């Protein structure tokens, strides 16, 4: 085996490891955080004491969080799928273009990187929208729970 072929294989192997590391970091950035609390104003009703209000608030926060668990898993799964899909498509396209130019390994590495960037970008945009939707759903669950106890929601 000649020296240039050996260098090419080492480059491809190193590039694959590097791409996997970058993909892992990018996917970590796609995680959709679940809401930690309401972003709406609810005050105690006329017959609700401060102690009762605190208990109701804690209970309703718990209920709102529990109702979001499956939605959070779906949002995280969607972000992961987009980033991985972009990387796979980019790798394949890069390998084909690289093979046509005489260096499939280099083409695959470039394709993987650009596919990861595009797929990660799409995932980041989607996860931002999912985060907003999850906060909105959390607020709805929280307000429904709190008003069922006679508390007052101050919003539109």
C-alpha atoms as a PDB file:
ATOM      1  CA  UNK A   1       0.000   0.000   0.000  1.00  0.00           C
ATOM      2  CA  UNK A   2       1.462   3.347  -0.927  1.00  0.00           C
ATOM      3  CA  UNK A   3       1.912   6.237   1.501  1.00  0.00           C
ATOM      4  CA  UNK A   4      -0.782   8.522   0.003  1.00  0.00           C
ATOM      5  CA  UNK A   5      -3.473   5.823   0.343  1.00  0.00           C
ATOM      6  CA  UNK A   6      -2.547   5.313   3.997  1.00  0.00           C
ATOM      7  CA  UNK A   7      -2.730   9.083   4.671  1.00  0.00           C
ATOM      8  CA  UNK A   8      -6.117   9.230   2.984  1.00  0.00           C
ATOM      9  CA  UNK A   9      -7.521   6.452   5.196  1.00  0.00           C
ATOM     10  CA  UNK A  10      -6.222   8.115   8.352  1.00  0.00           C
ATOM     11  CA  UNK A  11      -7.766  11.400   7.233  1.00  0.00           C
ATOM     12  CA  UNK A  12     -11.149   9.764   6.612  1.00  0.00           C
ATOM     13  CA  UNK A  13     -11.053   7.938   9.974  1.00  0.00           C
ATOM     14  CA  UNK A  14     -10.105  11.144  11.798  1.00  0.00           C
ATOM     15  CA  UNK A  15     -12.772  13.057   9.945  1.00  0.00           C
ATOM     16  CA  UNK A  16     -15.416  10.489  10.893  1.00  0.00           C
ATOM     17  CA  UNK A  17     -14.475  10.758  14.567  1.00  0.00           C
ATOM     18  CA  UNK A  18     -14.460  14.545  14.360  1.00  0.00           C
ATOM     19  CA  UNK A  19     -17.851  14.578  12.638  1.00  0.00           C
ATOM     20  CA  UNK A  20     -19.317  12.324  15.333  1.00  0.00           C
ATOM     21  CA  UNK A  21     -17.997  14.649  18.035  1.00  0.00           C
ATOM     22  CA  UNK A  22     -19.379  17.736  16.319  1.00  0.00           C
ATOM     23  CA  UNK A  23     -22.719  15.981  15.782  1.00  0.00           C
ATOM     24  CA  UNK A  24     -22.923  15.112  19.478  1.00  0.00           C
ATOM     25  CA  UNK A  25     -22.267  18.709  20.479  1.00  0.00           C
ATOM     26  CA  UNK A  26     -24.766  20.042  17.952  1.00  0.00           C
ATOM     27  CA  UNK A  27     -27.467  17.651  19.117  1.00  0.00           C
ATOM     28  CA  UNK A  28     -26.896  18.737  22.700  1.00  0.00           C
ATOM     29  CA  UNK A  29     -27.649  22.269  21.539  1.00  0.00           C
ATOM     30  CA  UNK A  30     -30.938  21.094  20.030  1.00  0.00           C
ATOM     31  CA  UNK A  31     -32.357  20.017  23.362  1.00  0.00           C
ATOM     32  CA  UNK A  32     -35.658  21.681  24.033  1.00  0.00           C
ATOM     33  CA  UNK A  33     -35.869  22.876  27.641  1.00  0.00           C
ATOM     34  CA  UNK A  34     -39.134  22.314  29.426  1.00  0.00           C
ATOM     35  CA  UNK A  35     -40.727  25.327  31.104  1.00  0.00           C
ATOM     36  CA  UNK A  36     -39.800  25.814  34.746  1.00  0.00           C
ATOM     37  CA  UNK A  37     -42.826  27.887  35.639  1.00  0.00           C
ATOM     38  CA  UNK A  38     -45.703  29.967  34.327  1.00  0.00           C
ATOM     39  CA  UNK A  39     -45.186  33.253  32.512  1.00  0.00           C
ATOM     40  CA  UNK A  40     -48.705  34.474  33.286  1.00  0.00           C
ATOM     41  CA  UNK A  41     -50.167  36.307  36.273  1.00  0.00           C
ATOM     42  CA  UNK A  42     -52.675  34.543  38.507  1.00  0.00           C
ATOM     43  CA  UNK A  43     -53.759  36.018  41.865  1.00  0.00           C
ATOM     44  CA  UNK A  44     -55.738  34.518  44.750  1.00  0.00           C
ATOM     45  CA  UNK A  45     -59.513  34.548  44.448  1.00  0.00           C
ATOM     46  CA  UNK A  46     -61.734  36.276  47.021  1.00  0.00           C
ATOM     47  CA  UNK A  47     -62.104  33.199  49.231  1.00  0.00           C
ATOM     48  CA  UNK A  48     -58.557  31.835  48.813  1.00  0.00           C
ATOM     49  CA  UNK A  49     -56.090  32.352  51.667  1.00  0.00           C
ATOM     50  CA  UNK A  50     -52.373  32.959  50.932  1.00  0.00           C
ATOM     51  CA  UNK A  51     -51.505  29.501  52.306  1.00  0.00           C
ATOM     52  CA  UNK A  52     -54.138  27.833  50.098  1.00  0.00           C
ATOM     53  CA  UNK A  53     -52.915  29.829  47.112  1.00  0.00           C
ATOM     54  CA  UNK A  54     -49.333  28.609  47.643  1.00  0.00           C
ATOM     55  CA  UNK A  55     -50.492  24.991  47.838  1.00  0.00           C
ATOM     56  CA  UNK A  56     -52.636  25.377  44.735  1.00  0.00           C
ATOM     57  CA  UNK A  57     -49.788  27.088  42.887  1.00  0.00           C
ATOM     58  CA  UNK A  58     -47.362  24.247  43.691  1.00  0.00           C
ATOM     59  CA  UNK A  59     -49.925  21.607  42.699  1.00  0.00           C
ATOM     60  CA  UNK A  60     -50.861  23.361  39.438  1.00  0.00           C
ATOM     61  CA  UNK A  61     -47.186  23.797  38.464  1.00  0.00           C
ATOM     62  CA  UNK A  62     -46.722  20.058  38.967  1.00  0.00           C
ATOM     63  CA  UNK A  63     -49.795  19.231  36.869  1.00  0.00           C
ATOM     64  CA  UNK A  64     -48.706  21.598  34.080  1.00  0.00           C
ATOM     65  CA  UNK A  65     -45.229  20.005  34.012  1.00  0.00           C
ATOM     66  CA  UNK A  66     -46.581  16.464  33.956  1.00  0.00           C
ATOM     67  CA  UNK A  67     -48.823  17.280  31.018  1.00  0.00           C
ATOM     68  CA  UNK A  68     -45.785  18.419  29.006  1.00  0.00           C
ATOM     69  CA  UNK A  69     -43.596  15.316  29.387  1.00  0.00           C
ATOM     70  CA  UNK A  70     -44.715  13.620  26.166  1.00  0.00           C
ATOM     71  CA  UNK A  71     -44.630  16.893  24.200  1.00  0.00           C
ATOM     72  CA  UNK A  72     -41.056  17.524  25.359  1.00  0.00           C
ATOM     73  CA  UNK A  73     -39.954  14.049  24.253  1.00  0.00           C
ATOM     74  CA  UNK A  74     -41.496  14.578  20.820  1.00  0.00           C
ATOM     75  CA  UNK A  75     -39.784  17.939  20.381  1.00  0.00           C
ATOM     76  CA  UNK A  76     -36.381  16.502  21.366  1.00  0.00           C
ATOM     77  CA  UNK A  77     -36.848  13.553  19.020  1.00  0.00           C
ATOM     78  CA  UNK A  78     -37.738  15.852  16.135  1.00  0.00           C
ATOM     79  CA  UNK A  79     -34.648  18.027  16.658  1.00  0.00           C
ATOM     80  CA  UNK A  80     -32.379  14.970  16.783  1.00  0.00           C
ATOM     81  CA  UNK A  81     -33.903  13.524  13.618  1.00  0.00           C
ATOM     82  CA  UNK A  82     -33.351  16.749  11.683  1.00  0.00           C
ATOM     83  CA  UNK A  83     -29.693  17.099  12.692  1.00  0.00           C
ATOM     84  CA  UNK A  84     -28.846  13.434  12.042  1.00  0.00           C
ATOM     85  CA  UNK A  85     -30.768  13.437   8.752  1.00  0.00           C
ATOM     86  CA  UNK A  86     -28.871  16.494   7.542  1.00  0.00           C
ATOM     87  CA  UNK A  87     -25.546  14.887   8.417  1.00  0.00           C
ATOM     88  CA  UNK A  88     -26.371  11.610   6.649  1.00  0.00           C
ATOM     89  CA  UNK A  89     -27.629  13.338   3.514  1.00  0.00           C
ATOM     90  CA  UNK A  90     -24.629  15.678   3.485  1.00  0.00           C
ATOM     91  CA  UNK A  91     -22.185  12.781   3.891  1.00  0.00           C
ATOM     92  CA  UNK A  92     -23.733  10.846   1.018  1.00  0.00           C
ATOM     93  CA  UNK A  93     -23.869  13.872  -1.283  1.00  0.00           C
ATOM     94  CA  UNK A  94     -20.316  14.849  -0.369  1.00  0.00           C
ATOM     95  CA  UNK A  95     -19.019  11.337  -1.014  1.00  0.00           C
ATOM     96  CA  UNK A  96     -20.640  11.278  -4.446  1.00  0.00           C
ATOM     97  CA  UNK A  97     -19.257  14.679  -5.386  1.00  0.00           C
ATOM     98  CA  UNK A  98     -15.879  13.826  -3.885  1.00  0.00           C
ATOM     99  CA  UNK A  99     -15.738  10.537  -5.821  1.00  0.00           C
ATOM    100  CA  UNK A 100     -16.401  12.411  -9.026  1.00  0.00           C
ATOM    101  CA  UNK A 101     -13.515  14.743  -8.163  1.00  0.00           C
ATOM    102  CA  UNK A 102     -11.239  11.848  -7.185  1.00  0.00           C
ATOM    103  CA  UNK A 103     -11.364  12.010  -3.369  1.00  0.00           C
ATOM    104  CA  UNK A 104     -14.503  10.466  -1.876  1.00  0.00           C
ATOM    105  CA  UNK A 105     -13.177  10.667   1.696  1.00  0.00           C
ATOM    106  CA  UNK A 106     -12.631  14.407   1.551  1.00  0.00           C
ATOM    107  CA  UNK A 107     -16.023  14.911  -0.126  1.00  0.00           C
ATOM    108  CA  UNK A 108     -17.765  12.832   2.553  1.00  0.00           C
ATOM    109  CA  UNK A 109     -16.093  14.840   5.318  1.00  0.00           C
ATOM    110  CA  UNK A 110     -17.071  18.170   3.776  1.00  0.00           C
ATOM    111  CA  UNK A 111     -20.593  16.894   3.072  1.00  0.00           C
ATOM    112  CA  UNK A 112     -21.003  15.622   6.637  1.00  0.00           C
ATOM    113  CA  UNK A 113     -19.931  18.960   8.055  1.00  0.00           C
ATOM    114  CA  UNK A 114     -22.192  21.028   5.835  1.00  0.00           C
ATOM    115  CA  UNK A 115     -25.093  18.593   6.299  1.00  0.00           C
ATOM    116  CA  UNK A 116     -24.671  18.816  10.054  1.00  0.00           C
ATOM    117  CA  UNK A 117     -24.684  22.602   9.920  1.00  0.00           C
ATOM    118  CA  UNK A 118     -27.816  22.733   7.771  1.00  0.00           C
ATOM    119  CA  UNK A 119     -29.601  19.964   9.680  1.00  0.00           C
ATOM    120  CA  UNK A 120     -28.565  21.470  13.016  1.00  0.00           C
ATOM    121  CA  UNK A 121     -29.788  24.881  11.881  1.00  0.00           C
ATOM    122  CA  UNK A 122     -33.167  23.455  10.921  1.00  0.00           C
ATOM    123  CA  UNK A 123     -33.333  21.624  14.243  1.00  0.00           C
ATOM    124  CA  UNK A 124     -32.453  24.775  16.175  1.00  0.00           C
ATOM    125  CA  UNK A 125     -35.216  26.755  14.458  1.00  0.00           C
ATOM    126  CA  UNK A 126     -37.692  23.971  15.124  1.00  0.00           C
ATOM    127  CA  UNK A 127     -36.674  23.584  18.754  1.00  0.00           C
ATOM    128  CA  UNK A 128     -37.115  27.324  19.364  1.00  0.00           C
ATOM    129  CA  UNK A 129     -40.677  27.087  18.049  1.00  0.00           C
ATOM    130  CA  UNK A 130     -41.260  23.949  20.127  1.00  0.00           C
ATOM    131  CA  UNK A 131     -39.995  25.757  23.227  1.00  0.00           C
ATOM    132  CA  UNK A 132     -42.484  28.591  22.649  1.00  0.00           C
ATOM    133  CA  UNK A 133     -45.316  26.131  22.051  1.00  0.00           C
ATOM    134  CA  UNK A 134     -44.435  24.187  25.187  1.00  0.00           C
ATOM    135  CA  UNK A 135     -44.414  27.343  27.327  1.00  0.00           C
ATOM    136  CA  UNK A 136     -47.792  28.323  25.902  1.00  0.00           C
ATOM    137  CA  UNK A 137     -49.208  24.867  26.653  1.00  0.00           C
ATOM    138  CA  UNK A 138     -47.722  24.954  30.165  1.00  0.00           C
ATOM    139  CA  UNK A 139     -49.401  28.328  30.778  1.00  0.00           C
ATOM    140  CA  UNK A 140     -52.756  27.017  29.526  1.00  0.00           C
ATOM    141  CA  UNK A 141     -52.568  23.959  31.809  1.00  0.00           C
ATOM    142  CA  UNK A 142     -51.510  26.112  34.762  1.00  0.00           C
ATOM    143  CA  UNK A 143     -54.240  28.735  34.265  1.00  0.00           C
ATOM    144  CA  UNK A 144     -56.956  26.087  33.868  1.00  0.00           C
ATOM    145  CA  UNK A 145     -55.852  24.433  37.080  1.00  0.00           C
ATOM    146  CA  UNK A 146     -55.535  27.665  39.080  1.00  0.00           C
ATOM    147  CA  UNK A 147     -58.862  29.125  37.930  1.00  0.00           C
ATOM    148  CA  UNK A 148     -60.606  25.850  38.821  1.00  0.00           C
ATOM    149  CA  UNK A 149     -59.810  26.755  42.455  1.00  0.00           C
ATOM    150  CA  UNK A 150     -61.389  30.199  42.065  1.00  0.00           C
ATOM    151  CA  UNK A 151     -58.162  32.113  41.491  1.00  0.00           C
ATOM    152  CA  UNK A 152     -58.068  35.005  39.035  1.00  0.00           C
ATOM    153  CA  UNK A 153     -56.118  34.986  35.760  1.00  0.00           C
ATOM    154  CA  UNK A 154     -54.916  38.420  34.592  1.00  0.00           C
ATOM    155  CA  UNK A 155     -54.348  38.113  30.885  1.00  0.00           C
ATOM    156  CA  UNK A 156     -56.002  38.050  27.534  1.00  0.00           C
END
